[in-house]
């Protein structure tokens, strides 16, 4: 399985000697520490009950109101703006 050791290491770790001096001592300590941790448990959750209590991830956002027609740009204004922008750009870029 996934928990099978990759390297065979015998003996107990020697914590009294300070920092580990080789890889085998390091592995002994890691395995000792891993044995102190309880095995992982998988909880069985009733998802139908959890869904009833869950809040929506995204709030309800109302539609954007339509712009009043008298506030929209006229076709003549759009044409004059595009002409002005194009002339200004050509003046700056020189092409």
PDB file of N, CA and C in Angstrom:
ATOM      1  N   UNK A   1       0.810  -1.188   0.000  1.00  0.00           N
ATOM      2  CA  UNK A   1       0.000   0.000   0.000  1.00  0.00           C
ATOM      3  C   UNK A   1       0.855   1.253   0.000  1.00  0.00           C
ATOM      4  N   UNK A   2       0.199   2.361   0.166  1.00  0.00           N
ATOM      5  CA  UNK A   2       0.887   3.654   0.124  1.00  0.00           C
ATOM      6  C   UNK A   2       1.739   3.891   1.370  1.00  0.00           C
ATOM      7  N   UNK A   3       1.443   3.230   2.473  1.00  0.00           N
ATOM      8  CA  UNK A   3       2.197   3.429   3.712  1.00  0.00           C
ATOM      9  C   UNK A   3       3.385   2.493   3.851  1.00  0.00           C
ATOM     10  N   UNK A   4       3.665   1.684   2.833  1.00  0.00           N
ATOM     11  CA  UNK A   4       4.776   0.747   2.912  1.00  0.00           C
ATOM     12  C   UNK A   4       6.098   1.517   2.860  1.00  0.00           C
ATOM     13  N   UNK A   5       7.044   1.255   3.790  1.00  0.00           N
ATOM     14  CA  UNK A   5       8.323   1.973   3.799  1.00  0.00           C
ATOM     15  C   UNK A   5       9.145   1.681   2.544  1.00  0.00           C
ATOM     16  N   UNK A   6       9.826   2.700   2.061  1.00  0.00           N
ATOM     17  CA  UNK A   6      10.669   2.550   0.873  1.00  0.00           C
ATOM     18  C   UNK A   6      12.046   2.015   1.241  1.00  0.00           C
ATOM     19  N   UNK A   7      12.523   2.321   2.467  1.00  0.00           N
ATOM     20  CA  UNK A   7      13.850   1.875   2.911  1.00  0.00           C
ATOM     21  C   UNK A   7      13.708   1.084   4.201  1.00  0.00           C
ATOM     22  N   UNK A   8      14.460  -0.005   4.310  1.00  0.00           N
ATOM     23  CA  UNK A   8      14.452  -0.807   5.538  1.00  0.00           C
ATOM     24  C   UNK A   8      15.381  -0.151   6.552  1.00  0.00           C
ATOM     25  N   UNK A   9      14.822   0.229   7.708  1.00  0.00           N
ATOM     26  CA  UNK A   9      15.604   0.851   8.778  1.00  0.00           C
ATOM     27  C   UNK A   9      15.244   0.131  10.066  1.00  0.00           C
ATOM     28  N   UNK A  10      16.240  -0.422  10.733  1.00  0.00           N
ATOM     29  CA  UNK A  10      16.006  -1.150  11.975  1.00  0.00           C
ATOM     30  C   UNK A  10      16.413  -0.301  13.163  1.00  0.00           C
ATOM     31  N   UNK A  11      15.854  -0.640  14.328  1.00  0.00           N
ATOM     32  CA  UNK A  11      16.270  -0.008  15.572  1.00  0.00           C
ATOM     33  C   UNK A  11      15.408   1.187  15.939  1.00  0.00           C
ATOM     34  N   UNK A  12      15.682   1.687  17.143  1.00  0.00           N
ATOM     35  CA  UNK A  12      14.976   2.841  17.672  1.00  0.00           C
ATOM     36  C   UNK A  12      15.827   4.094  17.453  1.00  0.00           C
ATOM     37  N   UNK A  13      15.205   5.263  17.307  1.00  0.00           N
ATOM     38  CA  UNK A  13      15.975   6.493  17.122  1.00  0.00           C
ATOM     39  C   UNK A  13      16.702   6.881  18.410  1.00  0.00           C
ATOM     40  N   UNK A  14      17.827   7.554  18.251  1.00  0.00           N
ATOM     41  CA  UNK A  14      18.618   8.014  19.387  1.00  0.00           C
ATOM     42  C   UNK A  14      18.498   9.537  19.465  1.00  0.00           C
ATOM     43  N   UNK A  15      17.492  10.000  20.201  1.00  0.00           N
ATOM     44  CA  UNK A  15      17.264  11.436  20.313  1.00  0.00           C
ATOM     45  C   UNK A  15      18.311  12.118  21.201  1.00  0.00           C
ATOM     46  N   UNK A  16      18.996  11.351  22.019  1.00  0.00           N
ATOM     47  CA  UNK A  16      19.987  11.906  22.944  1.00  0.00           C
ATOM     48  C   UNK A  16      21.256  12.369  22.228  1.00  0.00           C
ATOM     49  N   UNK A  17      21.509  11.870  21.017  1.00  0.00           N
ATOM     50  CA  UNK A  17      22.771  12.161  20.337  1.00  0.00           C
ATOM     51  C   UNK A  17      22.761  13.483  19.579  1.00  0.00           C
ATOM     52  N   UNK A  18      21.679  14.240  19.662  1.00  0.00           N
ATOM     53  CA  UNK A  18      21.612  15.513  18.944  1.00  0.00           C
ATOM     54  C   UNK A  18      20.998  15.320  17.566  1.00  0.00           C
ATOM     55  N   UNK A  19      21.438  16.132  16.610  1.00  0.00           N
ATOM     56  CA  UNK A  19      20.924  16.048  15.248  1.00  0.00           C
ATOM     57  C   UNK A  19      21.316  14.713  14.612  1.00  0.00           C
ATOM     58  N   UNK A  20      20.466  14.182  13.706  1.00  0.00           N
ATOM     59  CA  UNK A  20      20.832  12.923  13.049  1.00  0.00           C
ATOM     60  C   UNK A  20      22.079  13.103  12.183  1.00  0.00           C
ATOM     61  N   UNK A  21      22.975  12.117  12.241  1.00  0.00           N
ATOM     62  CA  UNK A  21      24.230  12.201  11.504  1.00  0.00           C
ATOM     63  C   UNK A  21      24.183  11.498  10.161  1.00  0.00           C
ATOM     64  N   UNK A  22      23.144  10.710   9.938  1.00  0.00           N
ATOM     65  CA  UNK A  22      23.021  10.052   8.630  1.00  0.00           C
ATOM     66  C   UNK A  22      21.544   9.894   8.287  1.00  0.00           C
ATOM     67  N   UNK A  23      21.286   9.446   7.079  1.00  0.00           N
ATOM     68  CA  UNK A  23      19.915   9.290   6.607  1.00  0.00           C
ATOM     69  C   UNK A  23      19.139   8.227   7.349  1.00  0.00           C
ATOM     70  N   UNK A  24      19.826   7.175   7.797  1.00  0.00           N
ATOM     71  CA  UNK A  24      19.136   6.107   8.509  1.00  0.00           C
ATOM     72  C   UNK A  24      18.602   6.596   9.853  1.00  0.00           C
ATOM     73  N   UNK A  25      19.406   7.373  10.561  1.00  0.00           N
ATOM     74  CA  UNK A  25      18.939   7.929  11.843  1.00  0.00           C
ATOM     75  C   UNK A  25      17.783   8.899  11.610  1.00  0.00           C
ATOM     76  N   UNK A  26      17.872   9.674  10.552  1.00  0.00           N
ATOM     77  CA  UNK A  26      16.793  10.600  10.212  1.00  0.00           C
ATOM     78  C   UNK A  26      15.498   9.822   9.953  1.00  0.00           C
ATOM     79  N   UNK A  27      15.582   8.732   9.165  1.00  0.00           N
ATOM     80  CA  UNK A  27      14.402   7.920   8.880  1.00  0.00           C
ATOM     81  C   UNK A  27      13.845   7.255  10.140  1.00  0.00           C
ATOM     82  N   UNK A  28      14.737   6.816  11.045  1.00  0.00           N
ATOM     83  CA  UNK A  28      14.257   6.236  12.302  1.00  0.00           C
ATOM     84  C   UNK A  28      13.408   7.255  13.068  1.00  0.00           C
ATOM     85  N   UNK A  29      13.887   8.494  13.114  1.00  0.00           N
ATOM     86  CA  UNK A  29      13.154   9.543  13.839  1.00  0.00           C
ATOM     87  C   UNK A  29      11.832   9.885  13.148  1.00  0.00           C
ATOM     88  N   UNK A  30      11.860   9.965  11.830  1.00  0.00           N
ATOM     89  CA  UNK A  30      10.639  10.284  11.092  1.00  0.00           C
ATOM     90  C   UNK A  30       9.601   9.191  11.303  1.00  0.00           C
ATOM     91  N   UNK A  31      10.023   7.950  11.224  1.00  0.00           N
ATOM     92  CA  UNK A  31       9.076   6.843  11.419  1.00  0.00           C
ATOM     93  C   UNK A  31       8.564   6.791  12.849  1.00  0.00           C
ATOM     94  N   UNK A  32       9.431   7.088  13.820  1.00  0.00           N
ATOM     95  CA  UNK A  32       8.989   7.117  15.213  1.00  0.00           C
ATOM     96  C   UNK A  32       7.922   8.196  15.391  1.00  0.00           C
ATOM     97  N   UNK A  33       8.183   9.397  14.828  1.00  0.00           N
ATOM     98  CA  UNK A  33       7.212  10.480  14.936  1.00  0.00           C
ATOM     99  C   UNK A  33       5.906  10.128  14.223  1.00  0.00           C
ATOM    100  N   UNK A  34       5.992   9.496  13.066  1.00  0.00           N
ATOM    101  CA  UNK A  34       4.792   9.115  12.322  1.00  0.00           C
ATOM    102  C   UNK A  34       3.963   8.110  13.112  1.00  0.00           C
ATOM    103  N   UNK A  35       4.615   7.230  13.856  1.00  0.00           N
ATOM    104  CA  UNK A  35       3.891   6.241  14.660  1.00  0.00           C
ATOM    105  C   UNK A  35       3.169   6.887  15.837  1.00  0.00           C
ATOM    106  N   UNK A  36       3.565   8.095  16.232  1.00  0.00           N
ATOM    107  CA  UNK A  36       2.917   8.797  17.343  1.00  0.00           C
ATOM    108  C   UNK A  36       1.614   9.472  16.897  1.00  0.00           C
ATOM    109  N   UNK A  37       1.455   9.646  15.607  1.00  0.00           N
ATOM    110  CA  UNK A  37       0.271  10.319  15.067  1.00  0.00           C
ATOM    111  C   UNK A  37      -0.819   9.278  14.836  1.00  0.00           C
ATOM    112  N   UNK A  38      -2.051   9.566  15.254  1.00  0.00           N
ATOM    113  CA  UNK A  38      -3.125   8.582  15.015  1.00  0.00           C
ATOM    114  C   UNK A  38      -3.397   8.431  13.521  1.00  0.00           C
ATOM    115  N   UNK A  39      -3.879   7.257  13.164  1.00  0.00           N
ATOM    116  CA  UNK A  39      -4.220   6.980  11.774  1.00  0.00           C
ATOM    117  C   UNK A  39      -5.361   7.896  11.335  1.00  0.00           C
ATOM    118  N   UNK A  40      -5.407   8.199  10.071  1.00  0.00           N
ATOM    119  CA  UNK A  40      -6.421   9.099   9.528  1.00  0.00           C
ATOM    120  C   UNK A  40      -7.769   8.388   9.477  1.00  0.00           C
ATOM    121  N   UNK A  41      -8.778   9.078   9.916  1.00  0.00           N
ATOM    122  CA  UNK A  41     -10.145   8.558   9.858  1.00  0.00           C
ATOM    123  C   UNK A  41     -10.899   9.332   8.791  1.00  0.00           C
ATOM    124  N   UNK A  42     -11.794   8.660   8.110  1.00  0.00           N
ATOM    125  CA  UNK A  42     -12.632   9.295   7.110  1.00  0.00           C
ATOM    126  C   UNK A  42     -14.039   9.363   7.666  1.00  0.00           C
ATOM    127  N   UNK A  43     -14.572  10.571   7.758  1.00  0.00           N
ATOM    128  CA  UNK A  43     -15.909  10.759   8.301  1.00  0.00           C
ATOM    129  C   UNK A  43     -16.943  10.496   7.221  1.00  0.00           C
ATOM    130  N   UNK A  44     -18.014   9.853   7.603  1.00  0.00           N
ATOM    131  CA  UNK A  44     -19.139   9.657   6.695  1.00  0.00           C
ATOM    132  C   UNK A  44     -20.127  10.783   6.983  1.00  0.00           C
ATOM    133  N   UNK A  45     -20.340  11.633   5.986  1.00  0.00           N
ATOM    134  CA  UNK A  45     -21.173  12.815   6.158  1.00  0.00           C
ATOM    135  C   UNK A  45     -22.445  12.651   5.338  1.00  0.00           C
ATOM    136  N   UNK A  46     -23.553  12.998   5.948  1.00  0.00           N
ATOM    137  CA  UNK A  46     -24.831  12.999   5.240  1.00  0.00           C
ATOM    138  C   UNK A  46     -24.923  14.314   4.469  1.00  0.00           C
ATOM    139  N   UNK A  47     -24.618  14.282   3.176  1.00  0.00           N
ATOM    140  CA  UNK A  47     -24.569  15.499   2.374  1.00  0.00           C
ATOM    141  C   UNK A  47     -25.934  16.130   2.183  1.00  0.00           C
ATOM    142  N   UNK A  48     -27.003  15.339   2.228  1.00  0.00           N
ATOM    143  CA  UNK A  48     -28.328  15.928   2.041  1.00  0.00           C
ATOM    144  C   UNK A  48     -28.657  16.885   3.187  1.00  0.00           C
ATOM    145  N   UNK A  49     -28.260  16.551   4.409  1.00  0.00           N
ATOM    146  CA  UNK A  49     -28.503  17.440   5.542  1.00  0.00           C
ATOM    147  C   UNK A  49     -27.614  18.672   5.453  1.00  0.00           C
ATOM    148  N   UNK A  50     -26.384  18.512   4.992  1.00  0.00           N
ATOM    149  CA  UNK A  50     -25.466  19.641   4.898  1.00  0.00           C
ATOM    150  C   UNK A  50     -25.921  20.625   3.830  1.00  0.00           C
ATOM    151  N   UNK A  51     -26.492  20.158   2.751  1.00  0.00           N
ATOM    152  CA  UNK A  51     -26.944  21.051   1.678  1.00  0.00           C
ATOM    153  C   UNK A  51     -28.088  21.941   2.129  1.00  0.00           C
ATOM    154  N   UNK A  52     -28.932  21.439   3.023  1.00  0.00           N
ATOM    155  CA  UNK A  52     -30.056  22.238   3.506  1.00  0.00           C
ATOM    156  C   UNK A  52     -29.570  23.415   4.344  1.00  0.00           C
ATOM    157  N   UNK A  53     -28.454  23.248   5.036  1.00  0.00           N
ATOM    158  CA  UNK A  53     -27.937  24.292   5.912  1.00  0.00           C
ATOM    159  C   UNK A  53     -26.949  25.217   5.208  1.00  0.00           C
ATOM    160  N   UNK A  54     -26.495  24.839   4.040  1.00  0.00           N
ATOM    161  CA  UNK A  54     -25.464  25.601   3.347  1.00  0.00           C
ATOM    162  C   UNK A  54     -26.053  26.870   2.747  1.00  0.00           C
ATOM    163  N   UNK A  55     -25.315  27.974   2.912  1.00  0.00           N
ATOM    164  CA  UNK A  55     -25.743  29.223   2.292  1.00  0.00           C
ATOM    165  C   UNK A  55     -25.285  29.245   0.847  1.00  0.00           C
ATOM    166  N   UNK A  56     -25.957  30.007  -0.004  1.00  0.00           N
ATOM    167  CA  UNK A  56     -25.520  30.056  -1.405  1.00  0.00           C
ATOM    168  C   UNK A  56     -24.128  30.665  -1.509  1.00  0.00           C
ATOM    169  N   UNK A  57     -23.343  30.120  -2.431  1.00  0.00           N
ATOM    170  CA  UNK A  57     -21.963  30.606  -2.598  1.00  0.00           C
ATOM    171  C   UNK A  57     -21.953  32.034  -3.112  1.00  0.00           C
ATOM    172  N   UNK A  58     -22.784  32.304  -4.085  1.00  0.00           N
ATOM    173  CA  UNK A  58     -22.833  33.643  -4.666  1.00  0.00           C
ATOM    174  C   UNK A  58     -24.166  34.292  -4.306  1.00  0.00           C
ATOM    175  N   UNK A  59     -24.138  35.561  -3.937  1.00  0.00           N
ATOM    176  CA  UNK A  59     -25.396  36.239  -3.626  1.00  0.00           C
ATOM    177  C   UNK A  59     -26.193  36.499  -4.907  1.00  0.00           C
ATOM    178  N   UNK A  60     -27.464  36.706  -4.743  1.00  0.00           N
ATOM    179  CA  UNK A  60     -28.313  37.058  -5.877  1.00  0.00           C
ATOM    180  C   UNK A  60     -28.026  38.508  -6.246  1.00  0.00           C
ATOM    181  N   UNK A  61     -27.573  38.731  -7.463  1.00  0.00           N
ATOM    182  CA  UNK A  61     -27.242  40.078  -7.927  1.00  0.00           C
ATOM    183  C   UNK A  61     -28.319  40.503  -8.918  1.00  0.00           C
ATOM    184  N   UNK A  62     -28.963  41.650  -8.668  1.00  0.00           N
ATOM    185  CA  UNK A  62     -30.016  42.068  -9.595  1.00  0.00           C
ATOM    186  C   UNK A  62     -29.420  42.472 -10.942  1.00  0.00           C
ATOM    187  N   UNK A  63     -30.265  42.424 -11.975  1.00  0.00           N
ATOM    188  CA  UNK A  63     -29.823  42.828 -13.305  1.00  0.00           C
ATOM    189  C   UNK A  63     -29.448  44.307 -13.307  1.00  0.00           C
ATOM    190  N   UNK A  64     -28.539  44.671 -14.206  1.00  0.00           N
ATOM    191  CA  UNK A  64     -28.138  46.062 -14.359  1.00  0.00           C
ATOM    192  C   UNK A  64     -29.282  46.802 -15.047  1.00  0.00           C
ATOM    193  N   UNK A  65     -29.703  47.928 -14.472  1.00  0.00           N
ATOM    194  CA  UNK A  65     -30.810  48.649 -15.102  1.00  0.00           C
ATOM    195  C   UNK A  65     -30.403  49.196 -16.468  1.00  0.00           C
ATOM    196  N   UNK A  66     -31.373  49.282 -17.357  1.00  0.00           N
ATOM    197  CA  UNK A  66     -31.136  49.803 -18.703  1.00  0.00           C
ATOM    198  C   UNK A  66     -30.913  51.309 -18.624  1.00  0.00           C
ATOM    199  N   UNK A  67     -30.040  51.790 -19.494  1.00  0.00           N
ATOM    200  CA  UNK A  67     -29.739  53.217 -19.561  1.00  0.00           C
ATOM    201  C   UNK A  67     -30.892  53.947 -20.255  1.00  0.00           C
ATOM    202  N   UNK A  68     -31.186  55.107 -19.739  1.00  0.00           N
ATOM    203  CA  UNK A  68     -32.224  55.927 -20.361  1.00  0.00           C
ATOM    204  C   UNK A  68     -31.747  56.348 -21.757  1.00  0.00           C
ATOM    205  N   UNK A  69     -32.600  56.270 -22.764  1.00  0.00           N
ATOM    206  CA  UNK A  69     -32.182  56.605 -24.127  1.00  0.00           C
ATOM    207  C   UNK A  69     -31.625  58.027 -24.265  1.00  0.00           C
ATOM    208  N   UNK A  70     -32.109  58.972 -23.446  1.00  0.00           N
ATOM    209  CA  UNK A  70     -31.606  60.343 -23.570  1.00  0.00           C
ATOM    210  C   UNK A  70     -30.197  60.506 -22.990  1.00  0.00           C
ATOM    211  N   UNK A  71     -29.689  59.490 -22.273  1.00  0.00           N
ATOM    212  CA  UNK A  71     -28.322  59.545 -21.736  1.00  0.00           C
ATOM    213  C   UNK A  71     -27.312  58.860 -22.654  1.00  0.00           C
ATOM    214  N   UNK A  72     -27.775  58.135 -23.645  1.00  0.00           N
ATOM    215  CA  UNK A  72     -26.883  57.431 -24.567  1.00  0.00           C
ATOM    216  C   UNK A  72     -26.262  58.416 -25.557  1.00  0.00           C
ATOM    217  N   UNK A  73     -25.063  58.074 -26.020  1.00  0.00           N
ATOM    218  CA  UNK A  73     -24.389  58.912 -27.020  1.00  0.00           C
ATOM    219  C   UNK A  73     -25.095  58.793 -28.358  1.00  0.00           C
ATOM    220  N   UNK A  74     -25.163  59.929 -29.046  1.00  0.00           N
ATOM    221  CA  UNK A  74     -25.793  59.918 -30.373  1.00  0.00           C
ATOM    222  C   UNK A  74     -24.799  59.388 -31.400  1.00  0.00           C
ATOM    223  N   UNK A  75     -25.320  58.991 -32.543  1.00  0.00           N
ATOM    224  CA  UNK A  75     -24.470  58.480 -33.627  1.00  0.00           C
ATOM    225  C   UNK A  75     -23.521  59.576 -34.105  1.00  0.00           C
ATOM    226  N   UNK A  76     -23.986  60.834 -34.166  1.00  0.00           N
ATOM    227  CA  UNK A  76     -23.137  61.942 -34.590  1.00  0.00           C
ATOM    228  C   UNK A  76     -21.984  62.145 -33.608  1.00  0.00           C
ATOM    229  N   UNK A  77     -22.255  62.057 -32.282  1.00  0.00           N
ATOM    230  CA  UNK A  77     -21.192  62.230 -31.287  1.00  0.00           C
ATOM    231  C   UNK A  77     -20.167  61.105 -31.413  1.00  0.00           C
ATOM    232  N   UNK A  78     -20.626  59.862 -31.570  1.00  0.00           N
ATOM    233  CA  UNK A  78     -19.708  58.729 -31.727  1.00  0.00           C
ATOM    234  C   UNK A  78     -18.801  58.933 -32.939  1.00  0.00           C
ATOM    235  N   UNK A  79     -19.394  59.353 -34.066  1.00  0.00           N
ATOM    236  CA  UNK A  79     -18.596  59.570 -35.282  1.00  0.00           C
ATOM    237  C   UNK A  79     -17.562  60.670 -35.077  1.00  0.00           C
ATOM    238  N   UNK A  80     -17.958  61.785 -34.448  1.00  0.00           N
ATOM    239  CA  UNK A  80     -17.006  62.882 -34.242  1.00  0.00           C
ATOM    240  C   UNK A  80     -15.908  62.467 -33.251  1.00  0.00           C
ATOM    241  N   UNK A  81     -16.251  61.684 -32.219  1.00  0.00           N
ATOM    242  CA  UNK A  81     -15.245  61.231 -31.262  1.00  0.00           C
ATOM    243  C   UNK A  81     -14.242  60.303 -31.933  1.00  0.00           C
ATOM    244  N   UNK A  82     -14.726  59.381 -32.748  1.00  0.00           N
ATOM    245  CA  UNK A  82     -13.828  58.448 -33.435  1.00  0.00           C
ATOM    246  C   UNK A  82     -12.897  59.205 -34.386  1.00  0.00           C
ATOM    247  N   UNK A  83     -13.423  60.195 -35.083  1.00  0.00           N
ATOM    248  CA  UNK A  83     -12.600  61.001 -35.987  1.00  0.00           C
ATOM    249  C   UNK A  83     -11.532  61.754 -35.193  1.00  0.00           C
ATOM    250  N   UNK A  84     -11.921  62.391 -34.082  1.00  0.00           N
ATOM    251  CA  UNK A  84     -10.975  63.131 -33.249  1.00  0.00           C
ATOM    252  C   UNK A  84      -9.906  62.195 -32.676  1.00  0.00           C
ATOM    253  N   UNK A  85     -10.322  61.043 -32.189  1.00  0.00           N
ATOM    254  CA  UNK A  85      -9.375  60.082 -31.626  1.00  0.00           C
ATOM    255  C   UNK A  85      -8.378  59.608 -32.684  1.00  0.00           C
ATOM    256  N   UNK A  86      -8.870  59.292 -33.869  1.00  0.00           N
ATOM    257  CA  UNK A  86      -7.994  58.813 -34.948  1.00  0.00           C
ATOM    258  C   UNK A  86      -6.987  59.881 -35.340  1.00  0.00           C
ATOM    259  N   UNK A  87      -7.433  61.141 -35.472  1.00  0.00           N
ATOM    260  CA  UNK A  87      -6.526  62.233 -35.827  1.00  0.00           C
ATOM    261  C   UNK A  87      -5.486  62.468 -34.742  1.00  0.00           C
ATOM    262  N   UNK A  88      -5.898  62.395 -33.489  1.00  0.00           N
ATOM    263  CA  UNK A  88      -4.961  62.584 -32.369  1.00  0.00           C
ATOM    264  C   UNK A  88      -3.936  61.466 -32.343  1.00  0.00           C
ATOM    265  N   UNK A  89      -4.382  60.248 -32.538  1.00  0.00           N
ATOM    266  CA  UNK A  89      -3.465  59.112 -32.549  1.00  0.00           C
ATOM    267  C   UNK A  89      -2.463  59.236 -33.679  1.00  0.00           C
ATOM    268  N   UNK A  90      -2.915  59.597 -34.849  1.00  0.00           N
ATOM    269  CA  UNK A  90      -1.994  59.782 -35.981  1.00  0.00           C
ATOM    270  C   UNK A  90      -0.982  60.887 -35.711  1.00  0.00           C
ATOM    271  N   UNK A  91      -1.426  61.946 -35.007  1.00  0.00           N
ATOM    272  CA  UNK A  91      -0.500  63.027 -34.659  1.00  0.00           C
ATOM    273  C   UNK A  91       0.557  62.583 -33.666  1.00  0.00           C
ATOM    274  N   UNK A  92       0.165  61.716 -32.733  1.00  0.00           N
ATOM    275  CA  UNK A  92       1.120  61.250 -31.725  1.00  0.00           C
ATOM    276  C   UNK A  92       2.074  60.211 -32.311  1.00  0.00           C
ATOM    277  N   UNK A  93       1.530  59.260 -33.035  1.00  0.00           N
ATOM    278  CA  UNK A  93       2.340  58.171 -33.590  1.00  0.00           C
ATOM    279  C   UNK A  93       3.065  58.578 -34.862  1.00  0.00           C
ATOM    280  N   UNK A  94       2.524  59.561 -35.563  1.00  0.00           N
ATOM    281  CA  UNK A  94       3.169  60.027 -36.782  1.00  0.00           C
ATOM    282  C   UNK A  94       3.002  59.095 -37.948  1.00  0.00           C
ATOM    283  N   UNK A  95       2.057  58.177 -37.887  1.00  0.00           N
ATOM    284  CA  UNK A  95       1.823  57.277 -39.028  1.00  0.00           C
ATOM    285  C   UNK A  95       0.403  57.331 -39.457  1.00  0.00           C
TER     286      UNK A  95
END
